[in-house]
Amino acid sequence: MGGNMKELVEYIARSIVTIPDEVSVNEETNSDSIVLKLQVAAEDRGRVIGKQGKVAQAMRTLLRIAAIREGTRVQLEIM
């Protein structure tokens, strides 16, 4: 169900960070929603969050659109 959303987050994160090998996304699903937990190297956290949270917000917007298309809800947590 949320497989392509997980891949989307991984793809975006890997293209932003300086250490792509440290990117991992864990997916937790329950009855009506998906939680994606994004983990990156400590020094890349700022890049993934962005100035004033703009990068993270953009990722969440893309995920929301993808979730609507799949008829589910999704949350992105940056660990």
PDB file of N, CA and C in Angstrom:
ATOM      1  N   MET A   1       0.826  -1.196   0.000  1.00  0.00           N
ATOM      2  CA  MET A   1       0.000   0.000   0.000  1.00  0.00           C
ATOM      3  C   MET A   1       0.868   1.255   0.000  1.00  0.00           C
ATOM      4  N   GLY A   2       1.712   1.441   1.033  1.00  0.00           N
ATOM      5  CA  GLY A   2       2.508   2.657   1.104  1.00  0.00           C
ATOM      6  C   GLY A   2       3.904   2.510   0.520  1.00  0.00           C
ATOM      7  N   GLY A   3       4.166   1.390  -0.167  1.00  0.00           N
ATOM      8  CA  GLY A   3       5.496   1.115  -0.676  1.00  0.00           C
ATOM      9  C   GLY A   3       6.072   2.219  -1.527  1.00  0.00           C
ATOM     10  N   ASN A   4       5.265   2.739  -2.446  1.00  0.00           N
ATOM     11  CA  ASN A   4       5.803   3.783  -3.305  1.00  0.00           C
ATOM     12  C   ASN A   4       6.008   5.094  -2.558  1.00  0.00           C
ATOM     13  N   MET A   5       5.252   5.313  -1.477  1.00  0.00           N
ATOM     14  CA  MET A   5       5.461   6.520  -0.660  1.00  0.00           C
ATOM     15  C   MET A   5       6.789   6.414   0.087  1.00  0.00           C
ATOM     16  N   LYS A   6       7.085   5.214   0.569  1.00  0.00           N
ATOM     17  CA  LYS A   6       8.360   4.977   1.248  1.00  0.00           C
ATOM     18  C   LYS A   6       9.510   5.238   0.270  1.00  0.00           C
ATOM     19  N   GLU A   7       9.381   4.725  -0.953  1.00  0.00           N
ATOM     20  CA  GLU A   7      10.417   4.938  -1.973  1.00  0.00           C
ATOM     21  C   GLU A   7      10.553   6.413  -2.333  1.00  0.00           C
ATOM     22  N   LEU A   8       9.441   7.121  -2.364  1.00  0.00           N
ATOM     23  CA  LEU A   8       9.461   8.553  -2.666  1.00  0.00           C
ATOM     24  C   LEU A   8      10.272   9.306  -1.609  1.00  0.00           C
ATOM     25  N   VAL A   9      10.007   9.007  -0.341  1.00  0.00           N
ATOM     26  CA  VAL A   9      10.732   9.668   0.755  1.00  0.00           C
ATOM     27  C   VAL A   9      12.218   9.333   0.679  1.00  0.00           C
ATOM     28  N   GLU A  10      12.533   8.052   0.438  1.00  0.00           N
ATOM     29  CA  GLU A  10      13.942   7.643   0.323  1.00  0.00           C
ATOM     30  C   GLU A  10      14.629   8.384  -0.816  1.00  0.00           C
ATOM     31  N   TYR A  11      13.965   8.450  -1.952  1.00  0.00           N
ATOM     32  CA  TYR A  11      14.540   9.096  -3.133  1.00  0.00           C
ATOM     33  C   TYR A  11      14.818  10.575  -2.869  1.00  0.00           C
ATOM     34  N   ILE A  12      13.825  11.269  -2.308  1.00  0.00           N
ATOM     35  CA  ILE A  12      14.000  12.700  -2.030  1.00  0.00           C
ATOM     36  C   ILE A  12      15.124  12.898  -1.015  1.00  0.00           C
ATOM     37  N   ALA A  13      15.094  12.124   0.068  1.00  0.00           N
ATOM     38  CA  ALA A  13      16.098  12.288   1.124  1.00  0.00           C
ATOM     39  C   ALA A  13      17.502  12.022   0.591  1.00  0.00           C
ATOM     40  N   ARG A  14      17.654  10.940  -0.190  1.00  0.00           N
ATOM     41  CA  ARG A  14      18.985  10.610  -0.733  1.00  0.00           C
ATOM     42  C   ARG A  14      19.515  11.704  -1.651  1.00  0.00           C
ATOM     43  N   SER A  15      18.607  12.394  -2.342  1.00  0.00           N
ATOM     44  CA  SER A  15      19.062  13.436  -3.259  1.00  0.00           C
ATOM     45  C   SER A  15      19.436  14.726  -2.525  1.00  0.00           C
ATOM     46  N   ILE A  16      19.033  14.850  -1.260  1.00  0.00           N
ATOM     47  CA  ILE A  16      19.312  16.063  -0.482  1.00  0.00           C
ATOM     48  C   ILE A  16      20.554  15.916   0.395  1.00  0.00           C
ATOM     49  N   VAL A  17      20.712  14.735   1.003  1.00  0.00           N
ATOM     50  CA  VAL A  17      21.755  14.567   2.022  1.00  0.00           C
ATOM     51  C   VAL A  17      23.155  14.432   1.425  1.00  0.00           C
ATOM     52  N   THR A  18      24.163  14.566   2.299  1.00  0.00           N
ATOM     53  CA  THR A  18      25.547  14.376   1.858  1.00  0.00           C
ATOM     54  C   THR A  18      25.981  12.919   2.039  1.00  0.00           C
ATOM     55  N   ILE A  19      25.268  12.178   2.892  1.00  0.00           N
ATOM     56  CA  ILE A  19      25.614  10.761   3.129  1.00  0.00           C
ATOM     57  C   ILE A  19      24.389   9.888   2.810  1.00  0.00           C
ATOM     58  N   PRO A  20      24.140   9.625   1.520  1.00  0.00           N
ATOM     59  CA  PRO A  20      22.931   8.887   1.132  1.00  0.00           C
ATOM     60  C   PRO A  20      22.835   7.486   1.735  1.00  0.00           C
ATOM     61  N   ASP A  21      23.989   6.854   2.013  1.00  0.00           N
ATOM     62  CA  ASP A  21      23.957   5.498   2.569  1.00  0.00           C
ATOM     63  C   ASP A  21      23.357   5.448   3.977  1.00  0.00           C
ATOM     64  N   GLU A  22      23.300   6.603   4.638  1.00  0.00           N
ATOM     65  CA  GLU A  22      22.749   6.656   5.999  1.00  0.00           C
ATOM     66  C   GLU A  22      21.233   6.844   6.004  1.00  0.00           C
ATOM     67  N   VAL A  23      20.631   7.014   4.836  1.00  0.00           N
ATOM     68  CA  VAL A  23      19.184   7.231   4.753  1.00  0.00           C
ATOM     69  C   VAL A  23      18.448   5.906   4.910  1.00  0.00           C
ATOM     70  N   SER A  24      17.492   5.885   5.826  1.00  0.00           N
ATOM     71  CA  SER A  24      16.617   4.718   5.914  1.00  0.00           C
ATOM     72  C   SER A  24      15.211   5.187   6.270  1.00  0.00           C
ATOM     73  N   VAL A  25      14.229   4.469   5.749  1.00  0.00           N
ATOM     74  CA  VAL A  25      12.842   4.800   6.016  1.00  0.00           C
ATOM     75  C   VAL A  25      12.149   3.544   6.523  1.00  0.00           C
ATOM     76  N   ASN A  26      11.584   3.636   7.712  1.00  0.00           N
ATOM     77  CA  ASN A  26      10.789   2.528   8.260  1.00  0.00           C
ATOM     78  C   ASN A  26       9.325   2.887   8.116  1.00  0.00           C
ATOM     79  N   GLU A  27       8.549   1.891   7.752  1.00  0.00           N
ATOM     80  CA  GLU A  27       7.130   2.108   7.518  1.00  0.00           C
ATOM     81  C   GLU A  27       6.313   1.342   8.553  1.00  0.00           C
ATOM     82  N   GLU A  28       5.410   2.055   9.209  1.00  0.00           N
ATOM     83  CA  GLU A  28       4.489   1.414  10.143  1.00  0.00           C
ATOM     84  C   GLU A  28       3.083   1.699   9.655  1.00  0.00           C
ATOM     85  N   THR A  29       2.273   0.653   9.543  1.00  0.00           N
ATOM     86  CA  THR A  29       0.909   0.866   9.086  1.00  0.00           C
ATOM     87  C   THR A  29      -0.066   0.425  10.166  1.00  0.00           C
ATOM     88  N   ASN A  30      -1.147   1.158  10.264  1.00  0.00           N
ATOM     89  CA  ASN A  30      -2.257   0.681  11.071  1.00  0.00           C
ATOM     90  C   ASN A  30      -3.503   0.748  10.192  1.00  0.00           C
ATOM     91  N   SER A  31      -4.660   0.583  10.763  1.00  0.00           N
ATOM     92  CA  SER A  31      -5.864   0.390   9.946  1.00  0.00           C
ATOM     93  C   SER A  31      -6.113   1.509   8.938  1.00  0.00           C
ATOM     94  N   ASP A  32      -5.875   2.753   9.322  1.00  0.00           N
ATOM     95  CA  ASP A  32      -6.255   3.830   8.399  1.00  0.00           C
ATOM     96  C   ASP A  32      -5.129   4.784   8.030  1.00  0.00           C
ATOM     97  N   SER A  33      -3.906   4.492   8.474  1.00  0.00           N
ATOM     98  CA  SER A  33      -2.829   5.415   8.116  1.00  0.00           C
ATOM     99  C   SER A  33      -1.473   4.724   8.086  1.00  0.00           C
ATOM    100  N   ILE A  34      -0.527   5.440   7.511  1.00  0.00           N
ATOM    101  CA  ILE A  34       0.847   4.963   7.377  1.00  0.00           C
ATOM    102  C   ILE A  34       1.746   5.985   8.071  1.00  0.00           C
ATOM    103  N   VAL A  35       2.704   5.505   8.844  1.00  0.00           N
ATOM    104  CA  VAL A  35       3.707   6.387   9.441  1.00  0.00           C
ATOM    105  C   VAL A  35       5.047   6.024   8.827  1.00  0.00           C
ATOM    106  N   LEU A  36       5.689   7.003   8.213  1.00  0.00           N
ATOM    107  CA  LEU A  36       7.017   6.802   7.632  1.00  0.00           C
ATOM    108  C   LEU A  36       8.025   7.488   8.534  1.00  0.00           C
ATOM    109  N   LYS A  37       9.007   6.712   9.005  1.00  0.00           N
ATOM    110  CA  LYS A  37      10.032   7.259   9.897  1.00  0.00           C
ATOM    111  C   LYS A  37      11.343   7.363   9.125  1.00  0.00           C
ATOM    112  N   LEU A  38      11.744   8.576   8.886  1.00  0.00           N
ATOM    113  CA  LEU A  38      12.945   8.861   8.098  1.00  0.00           C
ATOM    114  C   LEU A  38      14.130   9.067   9.025  1.00  0.00           C
ATOM    115  N   GLN A  39      15.194   8.322   8.763  1.00  0.00           N
ATOM    116  CA  GLN A  39      16.416   8.462   9.541  1.00  0.00           C
ATOM    117  C   GLN A  39      17.554   8.851   8.602  1.00  0.00           C
ATOM    118  N   VAL A  40      18.305   9.872   9.001  1.00  0.00           N
ATOM    119  CA  VAL A  40      19.459  10.307   8.208  1.00  0.00           C
ATOM    120  C   VAL A  40      20.631  10.526   9.160  1.00  0.00           C
ATOM    121  N   ALA A  41      21.818  10.701   8.594  1.00  0.00           N
ATOM    122  CA  ALA A  41      22.998  11.001   9.410  1.00  0.00           C
ATOM    123  C   ALA A  41      22.744  12.298  10.186  1.00  0.00           C
ATOM    124  N   ALA A  42      23.304  12.378  11.383  1.00  0.00           N
ATOM    125  CA  ALA A  42      23.081  13.547  12.249  1.00  0.00           C
ATOM    126  C   ALA A  42      23.381  14.862  11.532  1.00  0.00           C
ATOM    127  N   GLU A  43      24.468  14.875  10.766  1.00  0.00           N
ATOM    128  CA  GLU A  43      24.846  16.135  10.108  1.00  0.00           C
ATOM    129  C   GLU A  43      23.948  16.485   8.925  1.00  0.00           C
ATOM    130  N   ASP A  44      23.104  15.543   8.509  1.00  0.00           N
ATOM    131  CA  ASP A  44      22.185  15.806   7.393  1.00  0.00           C
ATOM    132  C   ASP A  44      20.776  16.172   7.840  1.00  0.00           C
ATOM    133  N   ARG A  45      20.517  16.108   9.141  1.00  0.00           N
ATOM    134  CA  ARG A  45      19.162  16.412   9.623  1.00  0.00           C
ATOM    135  C   ARG A  45      18.696  17.793   9.189  1.00  0.00           C
ATOM    136  N   GLY A  46      19.575  18.772   9.321  1.00  0.00           N
ATOM    137  CA  GLY A  46      19.220  20.138   8.941  1.00  0.00           C
ATOM    138  C   GLY A  46      18.853  20.252   7.475  1.00  0.00           C
ATOM    139  N   ARG A  47      19.544  19.509   6.630  1.00  0.00           N
ATOM    140  CA  ARG A  47      19.254  19.526   5.187  1.00  0.00           C
ATOM    141  C   ARG A  47      17.866  18.976   4.892  1.00  0.00           C
ATOM    142  N   VAL A  48      17.520  17.898   5.583  1.00  0.00           N
ATOM    143  CA  VAL A  48      16.236  17.238   5.337  1.00  0.00           C
ATOM    144  C   VAL A  48      15.081  18.081   5.878  1.00  0.00           C
ATOM    145  N   ILE A  49      15.326  18.764   6.989  1.00  0.00           N
ATOM    146  CA  ILE A  49      14.279  19.609   7.564  1.00  0.00           C
ATOM    147  C   ILE A  49      14.186  20.917   6.788  1.00  0.00           C
ATOM    148  N   GLY A  50      15.334  21.476   6.428  1.00  0.00           N
ATOM    149  CA  GLY A  50      15.359  22.706   5.641  1.00  0.00           C
ATOM    150  C   GLY A  50      15.170  23.942   6.500  1.00  0.00           C
ATOM    151  N   LYS A  51      15.403  25.094   5.886  1.00  0.00           N
ATOM    152  CA  LYS A  51      15.222  26.362   6.591  1.00  0.00           C
ATOM    153  C   LYS A  51      13.752  26.520   6.957  1.00  0.00           C
ATOM    154  N   GLN A  52      13.503  26.781   8.238  1.00  0.00           N
ATOM    155  CA  GLN A  52      12.135  26.927   8.765  1.00  0.00           C
ATOM    156  C   GLN A  52      11.257  25.719   8.425  1.00  0.00           C
ATOM    157  N   GLY A  53      11.891  24.567   8.289  1.00  0.00           N
ATOM    158  CA  GLY A  53      11.119  23.346   8.047  1.00  0.00           C
ATOM    159  C   GLY A  53      10.537  23.216   6.654  1.00  0.00           C
ATOM    160  N   LYS A  54      11.034  24.029   5.719  1.00  0.00           N
ATOM    161  CA  LYS A  54      10.420  24.073   4.383  1.00  0.00           C
ATOM    162  C   LYS A  54      10.594  22.778   3.588  1.00  0.00           C
ATOM    163  N   VAL A  55      11.745  22.134   3.694  1.00  0.00           N
ATOM    164  CA  VAL A  55      11.970  20.901   2.937  1.00  0.00           C
ATOM    165  C   VAL A  55      11.063  19.792   3.488  1.00  0.00           C
ATOM    166  N   ALA A  56      11.030  19.666   4.815  1.00  0.00           N
ATOM    167  CA  ALA A  56      10.168  18.663   5.438  1.00  0.00           C
ATOM    168  C   ALA A  56       8.704  18.923   5.081  1.00  0.00           C
ATOM    169  N   GLN A  57       8.315  20.187   5.073  1.00  0.00           N
ATOM    170  CA  GLN A  57       6.938  20.546   4.742  1.00  0.00           C
ATOM    171  C   GLN A  57       6.605  20.162   3.301  1.00  0.00           C
ATOM    172  N   ALA A  58       7.547  20.393   2.396  1.00  0.00           N
ATOM    173  CA  ALA A  58       7.332  20.036   0.990  1.00  0.00           C
ATOM    174  C   ALA A  58       7.192  18.517   0.833  1.00  0.00           C
ATOM    175  N   MET A  59       8.014  17.767   1.561  1.00  0.00           N
ATOM    176  CA  MET A  59       7.924  16.311   1.513  1.00  0.00           C
ATOM    177  C   MET A  59       6.568  15.844   2.035  1.00  0.00           C
ATOM    178  N   ARG A  60       6.107  16.472   3.111  1.00  0.00           N
ATOM    179  CA  ARG A  60       4.803  16.094   3.683  1.00  0.00           C
ATOM    180  C   ARG A  60       3.675  16.414   2.711  1.00  0.00           C
ATOM    181  N   THR A  61       3.791  17.524   1.998  1.00  0.00           N
ATOM    182  CA  THR A  61       2.764  17.888   1.011  1.00  0.00           C
ATOM    183  C   THR A  61       2.705  16.849  -0.102  1.00  0.00           C
ATOM    184  N   LEU A  62       3.860  16.455  -0.624  1.00  0.00           N
ATOM    185  CA  LEU A  62       3.897  15.419  -1.666  1.00  0.00           C
ATOM    186  C   LEU A  62       3.289  14.117  -1.165  1.00  0.00           C
ATOM    187  N   LEU A  63       3.625  13.753   0.071  1.00  0.00           N
ATOM    188  CA  LEU A  63       3.093  12.518   0.644  1.00  0.00           C
ATOM    189  C   LEU A  63       1.583  12.590   0.817  1.00  0.00           C
ATOM    190  N   ARG A  64       1.093  13.765   1.226  1.00  0.00           N
ATOM    191  CA  ARG A  64      -0.348  13.922   1.416  1.00  0.00           C
ATOM    192  C   ARG A  64      -1.078  13.693   0.093  1.00  0.00           C
ATOM    193  N   ILE A  65      -0.517  14.235  -0.980  1.00  0.00           N
ATOM    194  CA  ILE A  65      -1.121  14.057  -2.306  1.00  0.00           C
ATOM    195  C   ILE A  65      -1.106  12.579  -2.694  1.00  0.00           C
ATOM    196  N   ALA A  66       0.031  11.915  -2.485  1.00  0.00           N
ATOM    197  CA  ALA A  66       0.139  10.488  -2.813  1.00  0.00           C
ATOM    198  C   ALA A  66      -0.841   9.671  -1.970  1.00  0.00           C
ATOM    199  N   ALA A  67      -0.995  10.040  -0.701  1.00  0.00           N
ATOM    200  CA  ALA A  67      -1.895   9.310   0.200  1.00  0.00           C
ATOM    201  C   ALA A  67      -3.351   9.463  -0.235  1.00  0.00           C
ATOM    202  N   ILE A  68      -3.726  10.668  -0.640  1.00  0.00           N
ATOM    203  CA  ILE A  68      -5.098  10.902  -1.110  1.00  0.00           C
ATOM    204  C   ILE A  68      -5.390  10.013  -2.308  1.00  0.00           C
ATOM    205  N   ARG A  69      -4.423   9.911  -3.209  1.00  0.00           N
ATOM    206  CA  ARG A  69      -4.606   9.069  -4.397  1.00  0.00           C
ATOM    207  C   ARG A  69      -4.781   7.602  -4.020  1.00  0.00           C
ATOM    208  N   GLU A  70      -4.160   7.200  -2.907  1.00  0.00           N
ATOM    209  CA  GLU A  70      -4.262   5.808  -2.480  1.00  0.00           C
ATOM    210  C   GLU A  70      -5.370   5.605  -1.449  1.00  0.00           C
ATOM    211  N   GLY A  71      -6.058   6.685  -1.107  1.00  0.00           N
ATOM    212  CA  GLY A  71      -7.164   6.583  -0.169  1.00  0.00           C
ATOM    213  C   GLY A  71      -6.739   6.275   1.255  1.00  0.00           C
ATOM    214  N   THR A  72      -5.595   6.803   1.653  1.00  0.00           N
ATOM    215  CA  THR A  72      -5.115   6.573   3.017  1.00  0.00           C
ATOM    216  C   THR A  72      -4.568   7.873   3.581  1.00  0.00           C
ATOM    217  N   ARG A  73      -4.041   7.810   4.789  1.00  0.00           N
ATOM    218  CA  ARG A  73      -3.392   8.977   5.391  1.00  0.00           C
ATOM    219  C   ARG A  73      -1.948   8.597   5.693  1.00  0.00           C
ATOM    220  N   VAL A  74      -1.072   9.589   5.623  1.00  0.00           N
ATOM    221  CA  VAL A  74       0.344   9.301   5.865  1.00  0.00           C
ATOM    222  C   VAL A  74       0.942  10.385   6.747  1.00  0.00           C
ATOM    223  N   GLN A  75       1.867   9.974   7.594  1.00  0.00           N
ATOM    224  CA  GLN A  75       2.607  10.889   8.450  1.00  0.00           C
ATOM    225  C   GLN A  75       4.084  10.676   8.212  1.00  0.00           C
ATOM    226  N   LEU A  76       4.837  11.759   8.202  1.00  0.00           N
ATOM    227  CA  LEU A  76       6.289  11.653   8.072  1.00  0.00           C
ATOM    228  C   LEU A  76       6.929  12.116   9.370  1.00  0.00           C
ATOM    229  N   GLU A  77       7.733  11.250   9.962  1.00  0.00           N
ATOM    230  CA  GLU A  77       8.483  11.613  11.154  1.00  0.00           C
ATOM    231  C   GLU A  77       9.963  11.587  10.818  1.00  0.00           C
ATOM    232  N   ILE A  78      10.656  12.669  11.153  1.00  0.00           N
ATOM    233  CA  ILE A  78      12.105  12.714  10.929  1.00  0.00           C
ATOM    234  C   ILE A  78      12.759  12.434  12.265  1.00  0.00           C
ATOM    235  N   MET A  79      13.445  11.304  12.329  1.00  0.00           N
ATOM    236  CA  MET A  79      13.992  10.817  13.601  1.00  0.00           C
ATOM    237  C   MET A  79      15.254  11.577  13.977  1.00  0.00           C
TER     238      MET A  79
END
